[in-house]
C-alpha cells in the first residue's frame, strides 16, 4: 500500500468540501487550484492543478503567473 492510499480515510479530508476543495474523477479525489493555493506551498506530488511554478518542488511558495 502506498503512502497516499489512505490519506482521505485517515482524516486528511476532514473539513474539505467536494466541489470547492476537490472533485471526484474516475474514483480519485483531485484537489482544486483554490485548495492548493490556500494551502500555501507545493507538496511536490505533481498535482494536476498545482498553482506553483516551477511545479513539483516541495515547499515552493511562488505562484505561477496567469
PDB file of N, CA and C in Angstrom:
ATOM      1  N   UNK A   1       0.842  -1.174   0.000  1.00  0.00           N
ATOM      2  CA  UNK A   1       0.000   0.000   0.000  1.00  0.00           C
ATOM      3  C   UNK A   1       0.891   1.243   0.000  1.00  0.00           C
ATOM      4  N   UNK A   2       0.563   2.224  -0.836  1.00  0.00           N
ATOM      5  CA  UNK A   2       1.349   3.443  -0.938  1.00  0.00           C
ATOM      6  C   UNK A   2       1.022   4.447   0.156  1.00  0.00           C
ATOM      7  N   UNK A   3       1.895   5.412   0.291  1.00  0.00           N
ATOM      8  CA  UNK A   3       1.755   6.435   1.324  1.00  0.00           C
ATOM      9  C   UNK A   3       0.437   7.191   1.234  1.00  0.00           C
ATOM     10  N   UNK A   4      -0.009   7.504   0.021  1.00  0.00           N
ATOM     11  CA  UNK A   4      -1.189   8.336  -0.166  1.00  0.00           C
ATOM     12  C   UNK A   4      -2.493   7.549  -0.214  1.00  0.00           C
ATOM     13  N   UNK A   5      -2.448   6.233  -0.163  1.00  0.00           N
ATOM     14  CA  UNK A   5      -3.644   5.412  -0.324  1.00  0.00           C
ATOM     15  C   UNK A   5      -4.726   5.690   0.707  1.00  0.00           C
ATOM     16  N   UNK A   6      -4.370   5.999   1.935  1.00  0.00           N
ATOM     17  CA  UNK A   6      -5.365   6.161   2.990  1.00  0.00           C
ATOM     18  C   UNK A   6      -5.485   7.580   3.533  1.00  0.00           C
ATOM     19  N   UNK A   7      -4.946   8.576   2.843  1.00  0.00           N
ATOM     20  CA  UNK A   7      -4.999   9.934   3.369  1.00  0.00           C
ATOM     21  C   UNK A   7      -6.424  10.391   3.652  1.00  0.00           C
ATOM     22  N   UNK A   8      -7.340  10.129   2.731  1.00  0.00           N
ATOM     23  CA  UNK A   8      -8.704  10.600   2.916  1.00  0.00           C
ATOM     24  C   UNK A   8      -9.435   9.764   3.958  1.00  0.00           C
ATOM     25  N   UNK A   9      -9.116   8.499   4.074  1.00  0.00           N
ATOM     26  CA  UNK A   9      -9.727   7.648   5.084  1.00  0.00           C
ATOM     27  C   UNK A   9      -9.168   7.932   6.473  1.00  0.00           C
ATOM     28  N   UNK A  10      -7.954   8.450   6.550  1.00  0.00           N
ATOM     29  CA  UNK A  10      -7.291   8.687   7.841  1.00  0.00           C
ATOM     30  C   UNK A  10      -7.477  10.111   8.365  1.00  0.00           C
ATOM     31  N   UNK A  11      -8.467  10.832   7.861  1.00  0.00           N
ATOM     32  CA  UNK A  11      -8.763  12.151   8.386  1.00  0.00           C
ATOM     33  C   UNK A  11      -8.192  13.309   7.598  1.00  0.00           C
ATOM     34  N   UNK A  12      -7.420  13.040   6.537  1.00  0.00           N
ATOM     35  CA  UNK A  12      -6.848  14.113   5.731  1.00  0.00           C
ATOM     36  C   UNK A  12      -7.945  14.998   5.169  1.00  0.00           C
ATOM     37  N   UNK A  13      -9.085  14.422   4.831  1.00  0.00           N
ATOM     38  CA  UNK A  13     -10.144  15.179   4.170  1.00  0.00           C
ATOM     39  C   UNK A  13     -11.069  15.897   5.147  1.00  0.00           C
ATOM     40  N   UNK A  14     -10.824  15.772   6.454  1.00  0.00           N
ATOM     41  CA  UNK A  14     -11.670  16.467   7.426  1.00  0.00           C
ATOM     42  C   UNK A  14     -11.726  17.950   7.084  1.00  0.00           C
ATOM     43  N   UNK A  15     -12.916  18.458   6.872  1.00  0.00           N
ATOM     44  CA  UNK A  15     -13.090  19.865   6.573  1.00  0.00           C
ATOM     45  C   UNK A  15     -13.043  20.211   5.101  1.00  0.00           C
ATOM     46  N   UNK A  16     -12.639  19.280   4.237  1.00  0.00           N
ATOM     47  CA  UNK A  16     -12.627  19.563   2.800  1.00  0.00           C
ATOM     48  C   UNK A  16     -14.034  19.418   2.237  1.00  0.00           C
ATOM     49  N   UNK A  17     -14.370  20.292   1.283  1.00  0.00           N
ATOM     50  CA  UNK A  17     -15.700  20.260   0.679  1.00  0.00           C
ATOM     51  C   UNK A  17     -15.593  19.879  -0.791  1.00  0.00           C
ATOM     52  N   UNK A  18     -16.345  18.848  -1.151  1.00  0.00           N
ATOM     53  CA  UNK A  18     -16.358  18.428  -2.547  1.00  0.00           C
ATOM     54  C   UNK A  18     -16.915  19.565  -3.395  1.00  0.00           C
ATOM     55  N   UNK A  19     -16.268  19.838  -4.522  1.00  0.00           N
ATOM     56  CA  UNK A  19     -16.676  20.912  -5.407  1.00  0.00           C
ATOM     57  C   UNK A  19     -15.907  22.201  -5.154  1.00  0.00           C
ATOM     58  N   UNK A  20     -15.451  22.390  -3.932  1.00  0.00           N
ATOM     59  CA  UNK A  20     -14.655  23.588  -3.597  1.00  0.00           C
ATOM     60  C   UNK A  20     -13.182  23.210  -3.441  1.00  0.00           C
ATOM     61  N   UNK A  21     -12.902  22.204  -2.624  1.00  0.00           N
ATOM     62  CA  UNK A  21     -11.526  21.794  -2.358  1.00  0.00           C
ATOM     63  C   UNK A  21     -11.062  20.646  -3.256  1.00  0.00           C
ATOM     64  N   UNK A  22     -11.990  19.857  -3.718  1.00  0.00           N
ATOM     65  CA  UNK A  22     -11.655  18.729  -4.589  1.00  0.00           C
ATOM     66  C   UNK A  22     -12.887  18.313  -5.387  1.00  0.00           C
ATOM     67  N   UNK A  23     -12.644  17.508  -6.428  1.00  0.00           N
ATOM     68  CA  UNK A  23     -13.738  16.879  -7.163  1.00  0.00           C
ATOM     69  C   UNK A  23     -13.334  15.441  -7.426  1.00  0.00           C
ATOM     70  N   UNK A  24     -14.317  14.626  -7.710  1.00  0.00           N
ATOM     71  CA  UNK A  24     -14.065  13.209  -7.969  1.00  0.00           C
ATOM     72  C   UNK A  24     -13.915  12.980  -9.469  1.00  0.00           C
ATOM     73  N   UNK A  25     -12.908  12.200  -9.829  1.00  0.00           N
ATOM     74  CA  UNK A  25     -12.698  11.849 -11.233  1.00  0.00           C
ATOM     75  C   UNK A  25     -12.188  10.419 -11.301  1.00  0.00           C
ATOM     76  N   UNK A  26     -12.978   9.559 -11.915  1.00  0.00           N
ATOM     77  CA  UNK A  26     -12.610   8.154 -12.058  1.00  0.00           C
ATOM     78  C   UNK A  26     -12.255   7.505 -10.725  1.00  0.00           C
ATOM     79  N   UNK A  27     -12.975   7.883  -9.668  1.00  0.00           N
ATOM     80  CA  UNK A  27     -12.754   7.297  -8.353  1.00  0.00           C
ATOM     81  C   UNK A  27     -11.644   7.940  -7.540  1.00  0.00           C
ATOM     82  N   UNK A  28     -11.008   8.970  -8.090  1.00  0.00           N
ATOM     83  CA  UNK A  28      -9.921   9.668  -7.392  1.00  0.00           C
ATOM     84  C   UNK A  28     -10.372  11.064  -6.992  1.00  0.00           C
ATOM     85  N   UNK A  29      -9.865  11.551  -5.879  1.00  0.00           N
ATOM     86  CA  UNK A  29     -10.101  12.931  -5.468  1.00  0.00           C
ATOM     87  C   UNK A  29      -9.010  13.791  -6.095  1.00  0.00           C
ATOM     88  N   UNK A  30      -9.428  14.823  -6.807  1.00  0.00           N
ATOM     89  CA  UNK A  30      -8.495  15.744  -7.449  1.00  0.00           C
ATOM     90  C   UNK A  30      -8.610  17.081  -6.726  1.00  0.00           C
ATOM     91  N   UNK A  31      -7.530  17.527  -6.113  1.00  0.00           N
ATOM     92  CA  UNK A  31      -7.543  18.788  -5.376  1.00  0.00           C
ATOM     93  C   UNK A  31      -7.621  19.962  -6.350  1.00  0.00           C
ATOM     94  N   UNK A  32      -8.408  20.973  -5.987  1.00  0.00           N
ATOM     95  CA  UNK A  32      -8.596  22.141  -6.846  1.00  0.00           C
ATOM     96  C   UNK A  32      -7.448  23.138  -6.676  1.00  0.00           C
ATOM     97  N   UNK A  33      -7.316  24.017  -7.652  1.00  0.00           N
ATOM     98  CA  UNK A  33      -6.309  25.072  -7.574  1.00  0.00           C
ATOM     99  C   UNK A  33      -6.575  25.962  -6.362  1.00  0.00           C
ATOM    100  N   UNK A  34      -7.840  26.238  -6.080  1.00  0.00           N
ATOM    101  CA  UNK A  34      -8.184  27.063  -4.921  1.00  0.00           C
ATOM    102  C   UNK A  34      -7.665  26.442  -3.625  1.00  0.00           C
ATOM    103  N   UNK A  35      -7.906  25.152  -3.461  1.00  0.00           N
ATOM    104  CA  UNK A  35      -7.434  24.475  -2.242  1.00  0.00           C
ATOM    105  C   UNK A  35      -5.908  24.496  -2.161  1.00  0.00           C
ATOM    106  N   UNK A  36      -5.253  24.183  -3.268  1.00  0.00           N
ATOM    107  CA  UNK A  36      -3.787  24.132  -3.271  1.00  0.00           C
ATOM    108  C   UNK A  36      -3.183  25.510  -3.008  1.00  0.00           C
ATOM    109  N   UNK A  37      -3.799  26.562  -3.533  1.00  0.00           N
ATOM    110  CA  UNK A  37      -3.331  27.931  -3.287  1.00  0.00           C
ATOM    111  C   UNK A  37      -3.489  28.285  -1.815  1.00  0.00           C
ATOM    112  N   UNK A  38      -4.651  27.939  -1.255  1.00  0.00           N
ATOM    113  CA  UNK A  38      -4.905  28.238   0.158  1.00  0.00           C
ATOM    114  C   UNK A  38      -3.963  27.478   1.091  1.00  0.00           C
ATOM    115  N   UNK A  39      -3.493  26.300   0.655  1.00  0.00           N
ATOM    116  CA  UNK A  39      -2.550  25.540   1.481  1.00  0.00           C
ATOM    117  C   UNK A  39      -1.248  26.319   1.645  1.00  0.00           C
ATOM    118  N   UNK A  40      -0.839  27.025   0.580  1.00  0.00           N
ATOM    119  CA  UNK A  40       0.288  27.938   0.698  1.00  0.00           C
ATOM    120  C   UNK A  40       1.652  27.439   0.271  1.00  0.00           C
ATOM    121  N   UNK A  41       1.757  26.193  -0.150  1.00  0.00           N
ATOM    122  CA  UNK A  41       3.054  25.658  -0.587  1.00  0.00           C
ATOM    123  C   UNK A  41       2.837  24.433  -1.469  1.00  0.00           C
ATOM    124  N   UNK A  42       3.852  24.097  -2.245  1.00  0.00           N
ATOM    125  CA  UNK A  42       3.810  22.926  -3.123  1.00  0.00           C
ATOM    126  C   UNK A  42       4.194  21.667  -2.338  1.00  0.00           C
ATOM    127  N   UNK A  43       3.444  20.592  -2.576  1.00  0.00           N
ATOM    128  CA  UNK A  43       3.726  19.324  -1.896  1.00  0.00           C
ATOM    129  C   UNK A  43       4.660  18.425  -2.716  1.00  0.00           C
ATOM    130  N   UNK A  44       4.940  18.811  -3.955  1.00  0.00           N
ATOM    131  CA  UNK A  44       5.840  18.076  -4.859  1.00  0.00           C
ATOM    132  C   UNK A  44       5.270  16.748  -5.328  1.00  0.00           C
ATOM    133  N   UNK A  45       3.937  16.604  -5.313  1.00  0.00           N
ATOM    134  CA  UNK A  45       3.322  15.363  -5.790  1.00  0.00           C
ATOM    135  C   UNK A  45       2.827  15.459  -7.225  1.00  0.00           C
ATOM    136  N   UNK A  46       3.075  16.564  -7.896  1.00  0.00           N
ATOM    137  CA  UNK A  46       2.669  16.718  -9.292  1.00  0.00           C
ATOM    138  C   UNK A  46       1.165  16.879  -9.454  1.00  0.00           C
ATOM    139  N   UNK A  47       0.542  17.611  -8.566  1.00  0.00           N
ATOM    140  CA  UNK A  47      -0.914  17.815  -8.611  1.00  0.00           C
ATOM    141  C   UNK A  47      -1.343  18.419  -9.950  1.00  0.00           C
ATOM    142  N   UNK A  48      -2.464  17.947 -10.466  1.00  0.00           N
ATOM    143  CA  UNK A  48      -2.983  18.402 -11.750  1.00  0.00           C
ATOM    144  C   UNK A  48      -3.168  19.919 -11.775  1.00  0.00           C
ATOM    145  N   UNK A  49      -3.668  20.494 -10.701  1.00  0.00           N
ATOM    146  CA  UNK A  49      -3.989  21.919 -10.667  1.00  0.00           C
ATOM    147  C   UNK A  49      -2.996  22.728  -9.827  1.00  0.00           C
ATOM    148  N   UNK A  50      -1.778  22.265  -9.757  1.00  0.00           N
ATOM    149  CA  UNK A  50      -0.753  22.943  -8.957  1.00  0.00           C
ATOM    150  C   UNK A  50      -0.602  24.400  -9.394  1.00  0.00           C
ATOM    151  N   UNK A  51      -0.782  25.355  -8.448  1.00  0.00           N
ATOM    152  CA  UNK A  51      -0.683  26.766  -8.796  1.00  0.00           C
ATOM    153  C   UNK A  51       0.737  27.336  -8.676  1.00  0.00           C
ATOM    154  N   UNK A  52       1.696  26.484  -8.331  1.00  0.00           N
ATOM    155  CA  UNK A  52       3.057  26.959  -8.067  1.00  0.00           C
ATOM    156  C   UNK A  52       3.961  26.725  -9.269  1.00  0.00           C
ATOM    157  N   UNK A  53       4.966  27.598  -9.410  1.00  0.00           N
ATOM    158  CA  UNK A  53       5.916  27.462 -10.503  1.00  0.00           C
ATOM    159  C   UNK A  53       7.313  27.685  -9.979  1.00  0.00           C
ATOM    160  N   UNK A  54       8.244  26.821 -10.333  1.00  0.00           N
ATOM    161  CA  UNK A  54       8.035  25.598 -11.098  1.00  0.00           C
ATOM    162  C   UNK A  54       7.279  24.547 -10.289  1.00  0.00           C
ATOM    163  N   UNK A  55       6.601  23.676 -11.023  1.00  0.00           N
ATOM    164  CA  UNK A  55       5.785  22.629 -10.393  1.00  0.00           C
ATOM    165  C   UNK A  55       6.658  21.583  -9.713  1.00  0.00           C
ATOM    166  N   UNK A  56       6.039  20.898  -8.779  1.00  0.00           N
ATOM    167  CA  UNK A  56       6.623  19.731  -8.109  1.00  0.00           C
ATOM    168  C   UNK A  56       7.961  20.022  -7.432  1.00  0.00           C
ATOM    169  N   UNK A  57       8.052  21.167  -6.775  1.00  0.00           N
ATOM    170  CA  UNK A  57       9.223  21.486  -5.955  1.00  0.00           C
ATOM    171  C   UNK A  57       8.734  21.680  -4.528  1.00  0.00           C
ATOM    172  N   UNK A  58       8.995  20.693  -3.702  1.00  0.00           N
ATOM    173  CA  UNK A  58       8.495  20.679  -2.319  1.00  0.00           C
ATOM    174  C   UNK A  58       8.815  21.982  -1.593  1.00  0.00           C
ATOM    175  N   UNK A  59       7.776  22.555  -0.988  1.00  0.00           N
ATOM    176  CA  UNK A  59       7.925  23.770  -0.221  1.00  0.00           C
ATOM    177  C   UNK A  59       7.884  25.058  -1.032  1.00  0.00           C
ATOM    178  N   UNK A  60       7.837  24.953  -2.351  1.00  0.00           N
ATOM    179  CA  UNK A  60       7.791  26.130  -3.216  1.00  0.00           C
ATOM    180  C   UNK A  60       6.551  26.963  -2.890  1.00  0.00           C
ATOM    181  N   UNK A  61       6.700  28.270  -2.780  1.00  0.00           N
ATOM    182  CA  UNK A  61       5.570  29.159  -2.486  1.00  0.00           C
ATOM    183  C   UNK A  61       5.334  30.186  -3.589  1.00  0.00           C
ATOM    184  N   UNK A  62       6.055  30.081  -4.705  1.00  0.00           N
ATOM    185  CA  UNK A  62       5.922  31.032  -5.810  1.00  0.00           C
ATOM    186  C   UNK A  62       4.752  30.643  -6.698  1.00  0.00           C
ATOM    187  N   UNK A  63       3.713  31.476  -6.688  1.00  0.00           N
ATOM    188  CA  UNK A  63       2.543  31.208  -7.534  1.00  0.00           C
ATOM    189  C   UNK A  63       2.884  31.503  -8.985  1.00  0.00           C
ATOM    190  N   UNK A  64       2.400  30.671  -9.904  1.00  0.00           N
ATOM    191  CA  UNK A  64       2.635  30.913 -11.330  1.00  0.00           C
ATOM    192  C   UNK A  64       1.794  32.105 -11.772  1.00  0.00           C
ATOM    193  N   UNK A  65       2.259  32.786 -12.779  1.00  0.00           N
ATOM    194  CA  UNK A  65       1.529  33.934 -13.317  1.00  0.00           C
ATOM    195  C   UNK A  65       0.475  33.441 -14.287  1.00  0.00           C
ATOM    196  N   UNK A  66      -0.691  34.055 -14.225  1.00  0.00           N
ATOM    197  CA  UNK A  66      -1.792  33.650 -15.124  1.00  0.00           C
ATOM    198  C   UNK A  66      -1.857  34.517 -16.333  1.00  0.00           C
TER     199      UNK A  66
END
